[in-house]
Amino acid sequence: FEVESHGDEPLVVETIPGWAHDITNIGDDELVVMLW
């Protein structure tokens, strides 16, 4: 599964136990991500 998000529209993405996951900067600028 894939999902995209950007800073102009707040979107919380959950990581789920039992699912491998990663996050890639697909933009041209630095990516800044808040994490809980």
PDB file of all heavy atoms in Angstrom:
ATOM      1  N   PHE A   1       0.855  -1.190   0.000  1.00  0.00           N
ATOM      2  CA  PHE A   1       0.000   0.000   0.000  1.00  0.00           C
ATOM      3  C   PHE A   1       0.886   1.234   0.000  1.00  0.00           C
ATOM      4  O   PHE A   1       1.973   1.232   0.591  1.00  0.00           O
ATOM      5  CB  PHE A   1      -0.904  -0.003   1.236  1.00  0.00           C
ATOM      6  CG  PHE A   1      -1.782   1.212   1.350  1.00  0.00           C
ATOM      7  CD1 PHE A   1      -2.863   1.393   0.507  1.00  0.00           C
ATOM      8  CD2 PHE A   1      -1.520   2.196   2.303  1.00  0.00           C
ATOM      9  CE1 PHE A   1      -3.676   2.517   0.612  1.00  0.00           C
ATOM     10  CE2 PHE A   1      -2.311   3.320   2.413  1.00  0.00           C
ATOM     11  CZ  PHE A   1      -3.396   3.476   1.558  1.00  0.00           C
ATOM     12  N   GLU A   2       0.425   2.284  -0.672  1.00  0.00           N
ATOM     13  CA  GLU A   2       1.151   3.549  -0.697  1.00  0.00           C
ATOM     14  C   GLU A   2       0.193   4.696  -0.421  1.00  0.00           C
ATOM     15  O   GLU A   2      -0.996   4.629  -0.761  1.00  0.00           O
ATOM     16  CB  GLU A   2       1.816   3.784  -2.058  1.00  0.00           C
ATOM     17  CG  GLU A   2       2.954   2.851  -2.387  1.00  0.00           C
ATOM     18  CD  GLU A   2       3.628   3.213  -3.703  1.00  0.00           C
ATOM     19  OE1 GLU A   2       3.250   4.259  -4.294  1.00  0.00           O
ATOM     20  OE2 GLU A   2       4.511   2.467  -4.136  1.00  0.00           O
ATOM     21  N   VAL A   3       0.708   5.749   0.172  1.00  0.00           N
ATOM     22  CA  VAL A   3      -0.060   6.975   0.364  1.00  0.00           C
ATOM     23  C   VAL A   3       0.910   8.145   0.314  1.00  0.00           C
ATOM     24  O   VAL A   3       2.057   8.036   0.763  1.00  0.00           O
ATOM     25  CB  VAL A   3      -0.841   6.951   1.702  1.00  0.00           C
ATOM     26  CG1 VAL A   3       0.114   6.869   2.886  1.00  0.00           C
ATOM     27  CG2 VAL A   3      -1.745   8.171   1.839  1.00  0.00           C
ATOM     28  N   GLU A   4       0.454   9.249  -0.248  1.00  0.00           N
ATOM     29  CA  GLU A   4       1.278  10.449  -0.343  1.00  0.00           C
ATOM     30  C   GLU A   4       0.658  11.567   0.481  1.00  0.00           C
ATOM     31  O   GLU A   4      -0.565  11.617   0.663  1.00  0.00           O
ATOM     32  CB  GLU A   4       1.425  10.898  -1.805  1.00  0.00           C
ATOM     33  CG  GLU A   4       2.202   9.919  -2.666  1.00  0.00           C
ATOM     34  CD  GLU A   4       2.424  10.434  -4.090  1.00  0.00           C
ATOM     35  OE1 GLU A   4       2.056  11.611  -4.352  1.00  0.00           O
ATOM     36  OE2 GLU A   4       2.952   9.680  -4.914  1.00  0.00           O
ATOM     37  N   SER A   5       1.500  12.455   0.981  1.00  0.00           N
ATOM     38  CA  SER A   5       1.009  13.615   1.709  1.00  0.00           C
ATOM     39  C   SER A   5       1.982  14.758   1.526  1.00  0.00           C
ATOM     40  O   SER A   5       3.134  14.561   1.130  1.00  0.00           O
ATOM     41  CB  SER A   5       0.831  13.304   3.200  1.00  0.00           C
ATOM     42  OG  SER A   5       2.094  13.130   3.825  1.00  0.00           O
ATOM     43  N   HIS A   6       1.505  15.975   1.809  1.00  0.00           N
ATOM     44  CA  HIS A   6       2.370  17.151   1.727  1.00  0.00           C
ATOM     45  C   HIS A   6       1.973  18.151   2.793  1.00  0.00           C
ATOM     46  O   HIS A   6       0.894  18.062   3.400  1.00  0.00           O
ATOM     47  CB  HIS A   6       2.315  17.781   0.325  1.00  0.00           C
ATOM     48  CG  HIS A   6       0.925  18.113  -0.148  1.00  0.00           C
ATOM     49  ND1 HIS A   6       0.297  19.277   0.171  1.00  0.00           N
ATOM     50  CD2 HIS A   6       0.059  17.405  -0.916  1.00  0.00           C
ATOM     51  CE1 HIS A   6      -0.909  19.304  -0.378  1.00  0.00           C
ATOM     52  NE2 HIS A   6      -1.087  18.175  -1.052  1.00  0.00           N
ATOM     53  N   GLY A   7       2.854  19.099   3.021  1.00  0.00           N
ATOM     54  CA  GLY A   7       2.673  20.014   4.133  1.00  0.00           C
ATOM     55  C   GLY A   7       1.507  20.966   4.014  1.00  0.00           C
ATOM     56  O   GLY A   7       1.071  21.527   5.018  1.00  0.00           O
ATOM     57  N   ASP A   8       0.967  21.160   2.804  1.00  0.00           N
ATOM     58  CA  ASP A   8      -0.134  22.100   2.629  1.00  0.00           C
ATOM     59  C   ASP A   8      -1.466  21.542   3.117  1.00  0.00           C
ATOM     60  O   ASP A   8      -2.400  22.306   3.374  1.00  0.00           O
ATOM     61  CB  ASP A   8      -0.265  22.493   1.155  1.00  0.00           C
ATOM     62  CG  ASP A   8       0.941  23.286   0.670  1.00  0.00           C
ATOM     63  OD1 ASP A   8       1.597  23.926   1.514  1.00  0.00           O
ATOM     64  OD2 ASP A   8       1.229  23.245  -0.531  1.00  0.00           O
ATOM     65  N   GLU A   9      -1.588  20.234   3.215  1.00  0.00           N
ATOM     66  CA  GLU A   9      -2.824  19.607   3.674  1.00  0.00           C
ATOM     67  C   GLU A   9      -2.490  18.611   4.791  1.00  0.00           C
ATOM     68  O   GLU A   9      -1.984  17.526   4.511  1.00  0.00           O
ATOM     69  CB  GLU A   9      -3.547  18.898   2.521  1.00  0.00           C
ATOM     70  CG  GLU A   9      -4.051  19.850   1.449  1.00  0.00           C
ATOM     71  CD  GLU A   9      -4.850  19.126   0.380  1.00  0.00           C
ATOM     72  OE1 GLU A   9      -5.148  17.931   0.576  1.00  0.00           O
ATOM     73  OE2 GLU A   9      -5.167  19.746  -0.640  1.00  0.00           O
ATOM     74  N   PRO A  10      -2.752  18.961   6.051  1.00  0.00           N
ATOM     75  CA  PRO A  10      -2.389  18.078   7.160  1.00  0.00           C
ATOM     76  C   PRO A  10      -3.036  16.700   7.028  1.00  0.00           C
ATOM     77  O   PRO A  10      -4.250  16.582   6.877  1.00  0.00           O
ATOM     78  CB  PRO A  10      -2.919  18.825   8.390  1.00  0.00           C
ATOM     79  CG  PRO A  10      -2.999  20.257   7.964  1.00  0.00           C
ATOM     80  CD  PRO A  10      -3.352  20.231   6.512  1.00  0.00           C
ATOM     81  N   LEU A  11      -2.206  15.687   7.068  1.00  0.00           N
ATOM     82  CA  LEU A  11      -2.671  14.310   6.958  1.00  0.00           C
ATOM     83  C   LEU A  11      -1.824  13.447   7.888  1.00  0.00           C
ATOM     84  O   LEU A  11      -0.600  13.397   7.743  1.00  0.00           O
ATOM     85  CB  LEU A  11      -2.543  13.803   5.513  1.00  0.00           C
ATOM     86  CG  LEU A  11      -2.977  12.357   5.273  1.00  0.00           C
ATOM     87  CD1 LEU A  11      -4.512  12.247   5.331  1.00  0.00           C
ATOM     88  CD2 LEU A  11      -2.465  11.855   3.921  1.00  0.00           C
ATOM     89  N   VAL A  12      -2.460  12.796   8.839  1.00  0.00           N
ATOM     90  CA  VAL A  12      -1.749  11.905   9.745  1.00  0.00           C
ATOM     91  C   VAL A  12      -1.714  10.508   9.133  1.00  0.00           C
ATOM     92  O   VAL A  12      -2.738   9.976   8.721  1.00  0.00           O
ATOM     93  CB  VAL A  12      -2.422  11.849  11.135  1.00  0.00           C
ATOM     94  CG1 VAL A  12      -1.782  10.769  12.008  1.00  0.00           C
ATOM     95  CG2 VAL A  12      -2.323  13.207  11.818  1.00  0.00           C
ATOM     96  N   VAL A  13      -0.532   9.944   9.065  1.00  0.00           N
ATOM     97  CA  VAL A  13      -0.346   8.586   8.557  1.00  0.00           C
ATOM     98  C   VAL A  13       0.124   7.710   9.711  1.00  0.00           C
ATOM     99  O   VAL A  13       1.122   8.019  10.362  1.00  0.00           O
ATOM    100  CB  VAL A  13       0.662   8.549   7.390  1.00  0.00           C
ATOM    101  CG1 VAL A  13       0.876   7.112   6.920  1.00  0.00           C
ATOM    102  CG2 VAL A  13       0.171   9.420   6.238  1.00  0.00           C
ATOM    103  N   GLU A  14      -0.609   6.629   9.969  1.00  0.00           N
ATOM    104  CA  GLU A  14      -0.285   5.706  11.047  1.00  0.00           C
ATOM    105  C   GLU A  14       0.650   4.607  10.546  1.00  0.00           C
ATOM    106  O   GLU A  14       0.520   4.137   9.414  1.00  0.00           O
ATOM    107  CB  GLU A  14      -1.560   5.039  11.572  1.00  0.00           C
ATOM    108  CG  GLU A  14      -2.630   6.008  12.034  1.00  0.00           C
ATOM    109  CD  GLU A  14      -2.697   6.113  13.533  1.00  0.00           C
ATOM    110  OE1 GLU A  14      -1.731   5.696  14.207  1.00  0.00           O
ATOM    111  OE2 GLU A  14      -3.716   6.618  14.025  1.00  0.00           O
ATOM    112  N   THR A  15       1.573   4.169  11.387  1.00  0.00           N
ATOM    113  CA  THR A  15       2.281   2.931  11.110  1.00  0.00           C
ATOM    114  C   THR A  15       1.583   1.822  11.886  1.00  0.00           C
ATOM    115  O   THR A  15       1.185   2.017  13.035  1.00  0.00           O
ATOM    116  CB  THR A  15       3.759   3.008  11.505  1.00  0.00           C
ATOM    117  OG1 THR A  15       3.868   3.219  12.912  1.00  0.00           O
ATOM    118  CG2 THR A  15       4.439   4.161  10.768  1.00  0.00           C
ATOM    119  N   ILE A  16       1.455   0.655  11.239  1.00  0.00           N
ATOM    120  CA  ILE A  16       0.635  -0.427  11.772  1.00  0.00           C
ATOM    121  C   ILE A  16       1.527  -1.602  12.165  1.00  0.00           C
ATOM    122  O   ILE A  16       2.389  -2.013  11.373  1.00  0.00           O
ATOM    123  CB  ILE A  16      -0.394  -0.892  10.717  1.00  0.00           C
ATOM    124  CG1 ILE A  16      -1.085   0.321  10.070  1.00  0.00           C
ATOM    125  CG2 ILE A  16      -1.401  -1.844  11.339  1.00  0.00           C
ATOM    126  CD1 ILE A  16      -1.853   1.192  11.026  1.00  0.00           C
ATOM    127  N   PRO A  17       1.362  -2.147  13.368  1.00  0.00           N
ATOM    128  CA  PRO A  17       2.154  -3.319  13.737  1.00  0.00           C
ATOM    129  C   PRO A  17       1.997  -4.445  12.707  1.00  0.00           C
ATOM    130  O   PRO A  17       0.894  -4.721  12.229  1.00  0.00           O
ATOM    131  CB  PRO A  17       1.568  -3.729  15.097  1.00  0.00           C
ATOM    132  CG  PRO A  17       1.037  -2.456  15.662  1.00  0.00           C
ATOM    133  CD  PRO A  17       0.502  -1.700  14.495  1.00  0.00           C
ATOM    134  N   GLY A  18       3.114  -5.060  12.363  1.00  0.00           N
ATOM    135  CA  GLY A  18       3.074  -6.157  11.397  1.00  0.00           C
ATOM    136  C   GLY A  18       3.187  -5.720   9.952  1.00  0.00           C
ATOM    137  O   GLY A  18       3.170  -6.561   9.051  1.00  0.00           O
ATOM    138  N   TRP A  19       3.334  -4.434   9.725  1.00  0.00           N
ATOM    139  CA  TRP A  19       3.512  -3.899   8.367  1.00  0.00           C
ATOM    140  C   TRP A  19       4.880  -3.213   8.296  1.00  0.00           C
ATOM    141  O   TRP A  19       5.145  -2.280   9.059  1.00  0.00           O
ATOM    142  CB  TRP A  19       2.443  -2.872   8.023  1.00  0.00           C
ATOM    143  CG  TRP A  19       1.075  -3.431   7.780  1.00  0.00           C
ATOM    144  CD1 TRP A  19       0.226  -3.928   8.698  1.00  0.00           C
ATOM    145  CD2 TRP A  19       0.412  -3.511   6.515  1.00  0.00           C
ATOM    146  NE1 TRP A  19      -0.948  -4.325   8.111  1.00  0.00           N
ATOM    147  CE2 TRP A  19      -0.864  -4.080   6.761  1.00  0.00           C
ATOM    148  CE3 TRP A  19       0.761  -3.149   5.203  1.00  0.00           C
ATOM    149  CZ2 TRP A  19      -1.794  -4.307   5.752  1.00  0.00           C
ATOM    150  CZ3 TRP A  19      -0.166  -3.374   4.190  1.00  0.00           C
ATOM    151  CH2 TRP A  19      -1.414  -3.954   4.458  1.00  0.00           C
ATOM    152  N   ALA A  20       5.734  -3.651   7.382  1.00  0.00           N
ATOM    153  CA  ALA A  20       6.970  -2.916   7.112  1.00  0.00           C
ATOM    154  C   ALA A  20       6.607  -1.594   6.452  1.00  0.00           C
ATOM    155  O   ALA A  20       5.634  -1.505   5.697  1.00  0.00           O
ATOM    156  CB  ALA A  20       7.886  -3.727   6.213  1.00  0.00           C
ATOM    157  N   HIS A  21       7.391  -0.552   6.750  1.00  0.00           N
ATOM    158  CA  HIS A  21       7.037   0.758   6.215  1.00  0.00           C
ATOM    159  C   HIS A  21       8.285   1.604   6.022  1.00  0.00           C
ATOM    160  O   HIS A  21       9.308   1.391   6.676  1.00  0.00           O
ATOM    161  CB  HIS A  21       6.057   1.482   7.144  1.00  0.00           C
ATOM    162  CG  HIS A  21       6.521   1.535   8.564  1.00  0.00           C
ATOM    163  ND1 HIS A  21       6.226   0.551   9.476  1.00  0.00           N
ATOM    164  CD2 HIS A  21       7.285   2.439   9.235  1.00  0.00           C
ATOM    165  CE1 HIS A  21       6.774   0.853  10.644  1.00  0.00           C
ATOM    166  NE2 HIS A  21       7.428   2.000  10.520  1.00  0.00           N
ATOM    167  N   ASP A  22       8.182   2.545   5.102  1.00  0.00           N
ATOM    168  CA  ASP A  22       9.219   3.559   4.946  1.00  0.00           C
ATOM    169  C   ASP A  22       8.573   4.840   4.448  1.00  0.00           C
ATOM    170  O   ASP A  22       7.379   4.882   4.122  1.00  0.00           O
ATOM    171  CB  ASP A  22      10.355   3.092   4.027  1.00  0.00           C
ATOM    172  CG  ASP A  22       9.923   2.855   2.589  1.00  0.00           C
ATOM    173  OD1 ASP A  22       8.871   3.394   2.156  1.00  0.00           O
ATOM    174  OD2 ASP A  22      10.647   2.141   1.857  1.00  0.00           O
ATOM    175  N   ILE A  23       9.345   5.914   4.413  1.00  0.00           N
ATOM    176  CA  ILE A  23       8.875   7.218   3.958  1.00  0.00           C
ATOM    177  C   ILE A  23       9.963   7.829   3.092  1.00  0.00           C
ATOM    178  O   ILE A  23      11.143   7.807   3.455  1.00  0.00           O
ATOM    179  CB  ILE A  23       8.499   8.139   5.143  1.00  0.00           C
ATOM    180  CG1 ILE A  23       8.085   9.532   4.643  1.00  0.00           C
ATOM    181  CG2 ILE A  23       9.643   8.242   6.150  1.00  0.00           C
ATOM    182  CD1 ILE A  23       7.539  10.437   5.747  1.00  0.00           C
ATOM    183  N   THR A  24       9.571   8.361   1.931  1.00  0.00           N
ATOM    184  CA  THR A  24      10.513   8.926   0.967  1.00  0.00           C
ATOM    185  C   THR A  24      10.158  10.369   0.674  1.00  0.00           C
ATOM    186  O   THR A  24       8.979  10.706   0.508  1.00  0.00           O
ATOM    187  CB  THR A  24      10.493   8.123  -0.346  1.00  0.00           C
ATOM    188  OG1 THR A  24      10.833   6.761  -0.065  1.00  0.00           O
ATOM    189  CG2 THR A  24      11.484   8.685  -1.350  1.00  0.00           C
ATOM    190  N   ASN A  25      11.164  11.211   0.615  1.00  0.00           N
ATOM    191  CA  ASN A  25      10.977  12.588   0.198  1.00  0.00           C
ATOM    192  C   ASN A  25      10.870  12.607  -1.316  1.00  0.00           C
ATOM    193  O   ASN A  25      11.847  12.385  -2.026  1.00  0.00           O
ATOM    194  CB  ASN A  25      12.158  13.451   0.660  1.00  0.00           C
ATOM    195  CG  ASN A  25      11.993  14.918   0.287  1.00  0.00           C
ATOM    196  OD1 ASN A  25      11.077  15.302  -0.446  1.00  0.00           O
ATOM    197  ND2 ASN A  25      12.902  15.756   0.785  1.00  0.00           N
ATOM    198  N   ILE A  26       9.677  12.859  -1.830  1.00  0.00           N
ATOM    199  CA  ILE A  26       9.454  12.871  -3.281  1.00  0.00           C
ATOM    200  C   ILE A  26       9.352  14.295  -3.813  1.00  0.00           C
ATOM    201  O   ILE A  26       8.981  14.499  -4.969  1.00  0.00           O
ATOM    202  CB  ILE A  26       8.201  12.066  -3.655  1.00  0.00           C
ATOM    203  CG1 ILE A  26       6.960  12.641  -2.952  1.00  0.00           C
ATOM    204  CG2 ILE A  26       8.390  10.594  -3.312  1.00  0.00           C
ATOM    205  CD1 ILE A  26       5.652  11.995  -3.405  1.00  0.00           C
ATOM    206  N   GLY A  27       9.696  15.265  -2.981  1.00  0.00           N
ATOM    207  CA  GLY A  27       9.662  16.655  -3.408  1.00  0.00           C
ATOM    208  C   GLY A  27      11.042  17.168  -3.766  1.00  0.00           C
ATOM    209  O   GLY A  27      12.033  16.436  -3.756  1.00  0.00           O
ATOM    210  N   ASP A  28      11.097  18.449  -4.084  1.00  0.00           N
ATOM    211  CA  ASP A  28      12.359  19.078  -4.459  1.00  0.00           C
ATOM    212  C   ASP A  28      13.028  19.789  -3.289  1.00  0.00           C
ATOM    213  O   ASP A  28      14.179  20.227  -3.407  1.00  0.00           O
ATOM    214  CB  ASP A  28      12.119  20.095  -5.590  1.00  0.00           C
ATOM    215  CG  ASP A  28      11.585  19.438  -6.857  1.00  0.00           C
ATOM    216  OD1 ASP A  28      11.991  18.293  -7.134  1.00  0.00           O
ATOM    217  OD2 ASP A  28      10.752  20.071  -7.544  1.00  0.00           O
ATOM    218  N   ASP A  29      12.308  19.914  -2.173  1.00  0.00           N
ATOM    219  CA  ASP A  29      12.829  20.616  -1.008  1.00  0.00           C
ATOM    220  C   ASP A  29      12.972  19.656   0.170  1.00  0.00           C
ATOM    221  O   ASP A  29      12.568  18.493   0.112  1.00  0.00           O
ATOM    222  CB  ASP A  29      11.893  21.769  -0.617  1.00  0.00           C
ATOM    223  CG  ASP A  29      11.703  22.776  -1.728  1.00  0.00           C
ATOM    224  OD1 ASP A  29      12.725  23.138  -2.344  1.00  0.00           O
ATOM    225  OD2 ASP A  29      10.555  23.181  -1.978  1.00  0.00           O
ATOM    226  N   GLU A  30      13.538  20.159   1.226  1.00  0.00           N
ATOM    227  CA  GLU A  30      13.695  19.355   2.431  1.00  0.00           C
ATOM    228  C   GLU A  30      12.338  18.932   2.963  1.00  0.00           C
ATOM    229  O   GLU A  30      11.383  19.707   2.979  1.00  0.00           O
ATOM    230  CB  GLU A  30      14.448  20.158   3.493  1.00  0.00           C
ATOM    231  CG  GLU A  30      14.710  19.397   4.780  1.00  0.00           C
ATOM    232  CD  GLU A  30      15.432  20.218   5.824  1.00  0.00           C
ATOM    233  OE1 GLU A  30      14.940  21.325   6.138  1.00  0.00           O
ATOM    234  OE2 GLU A  30      16.478  19.769   6.318  1.00  0.00           O
ATOM    235  N   LEU A  31      12.249  17.698   3.426  1.00  0.00           N
ATOM    236  CA  LEU A  31      11.042  17.166   4.041  1.00  0.00           C
ATOM    237  C   LEU A  31      11.174  17.290   5.558  1.00  0.00           C
ATOM    238  O   LEU A  31      12.188  16.887   6.139  1.00  0.00           O
ATOM    239  CB  LEU A  31      10.861  15.696   3.653  1.00  0.00           C
ATOM    240  CG  LEU A  31       9.675  14.949   4.271  1.00  0.00           C
ATOM    241  CD1 LEU A  31       8.359  15.504   3.737  1.00  0.00           C
ATOM    242  CD2 LEU A  31       9.789  13.446   3.980  1.00  0.00           C
ATOM    243  N   VAL A  32      10.144  17.848   6.203  1.00  0.00           N
ATOM    244  CA  VAL A  32      10.115  17.976   7.657  1.00  0.00           C
ATOM    245  C   VAL A  32       8.876  17.251   8.160  1.00  0.00           C
ATOM    246  O   VAL A  32       7.757  17.569   7.745  1.00  0.00           O
ATOM    247  CB  VAL A  32      10.092  19.450   8.115  1.00  0.00           C
ATOM    248  CG1 VAL A  32      10.084  19.536   9.638  1.00  0.00           C
ATOM    249  CG2 VAL A  32      11.279  20.207   7.545  1.00  0.00           C
ATOM    250  N   VAL A  33       9.073  16.288   9.045  1.00  0.00           N
ATOM    251  CA  VAL A  33       7.976  15.439   9.502  1.00  0.00           C
ATOM    252  C   VAL A  33       7.939  15.402  11.025  1.00  0.00           C
ATOM    253  O   VAL A  33       8.957  15.153  11.677  1.00  0.00           O
ATOM    254  CB  VAL A  33       8.122  13.998   8.960  1.00  0.00           C
ATOM    255  CG1 VAL A  33       6.956  13.129   9.434  1.00  0.00           C
ATOM    256  CG2 VAL A  33       8.204  14.003   7.445  1.00  0.00           C
ATOM    257  N   MET A  34       6.750  15.655  11.570  1.00  0.00           N
ATOM    258  CA  MET A  34       6.518  15.485  13.001  1.00  0.00           C
ATOM    259  C   MET A  34       6.146  14.031  13.258  1.00  0.00           C
ATOM    260  O   MET A  34       5.402  13.420  12.477  1.00  0.00           O
ATOM    261  CB  MET A  34       5.390  16.411  13.464  1.00  0.00           C
ATOM    262  CG  MET A  34       5.057  16.319  14.930  1.00  0.00           C
ATOM    263  SD  MET A  34       3.724  17.466  15.377  1.00  0.00           S
ATOM    264  CE  MET A  34       3.474  16.999  17.089  1.00  0.00           C
ATOM    265  N   LEU A  35       6.633  13.491  14.367  1.00  0.00           N
ATOM    266  CA  LEU A  35       6.442  12.078  14.654  1.00  0.00           C
ATOM    267  C   LEU A  35       6.052  11.879  16.113  1.00  0.00           C
ATOM    268  O   LEU A  35       6.683  12.429  17.015  1.00  0.00           O
ATOM    269  CB  LEU A  35       7.738  11.310  14.356  1.00  0.00           C
ATOM    270  CG  LEU A  35       7.852   9.869  14.858  1.00  0.00           C
ATOM    271  CD1 LEU A  35       6.833   8.986  14.162  1.00  0.00           C
ATOM    272  CD2 LEU A  35       9.266   9.347  14.629  1.00  0.00           C
ATOM    273  N   TRP A  36       4.976  11.093  16.314  1.00  0.00           N
ATOM    274  CA  TRP A  36       4.628  10.639  17.657  1.00  0.00           C
ATOM    275  C   TRP A  36       4.701   9.122  17.683  1.00  0.00           C
ATOM    276  O   TRP A  36       4.206   8.454  16.763  1.00  0.00           O
ATOM    277  CB  TRP A  36       3.224  11.079  18.044  1.00  0.00           C
ATOM    278  CG  TRP A  36       2.729  10.444  19.331  1.00  0.00           C
ATOM    279  CD1 TRP A  36       2.996  10.846  20.601  1.00  0.00           C
ATOM    280  CD2 TRP A  36       1.898   9.278  19.454  1.00  0.00           C
ATOM    281  NE1 TRP A  36       2.391  10.024  21.515  1.00  0.00           N
ATOM    282  CE2 TRP A  36       1.711   9.039  20.838  1.00  0.00           C
ATOM    283  CE3 TRP A  36       1.306   8.416  18.536  1.00  0.00           C
ATOM    284  CZ2 TRP A  36       0.939   7.979  21.311  1.00  0.00           C
ATOM    285  CZ3 TRP A  36       0.537   7.354  19.008  1.00  0.00           C
ATOM    286  CH2 TRP A  36       0.366   7.146  20.376  1.00  0.00           C
TER     287      TRP A  36
END
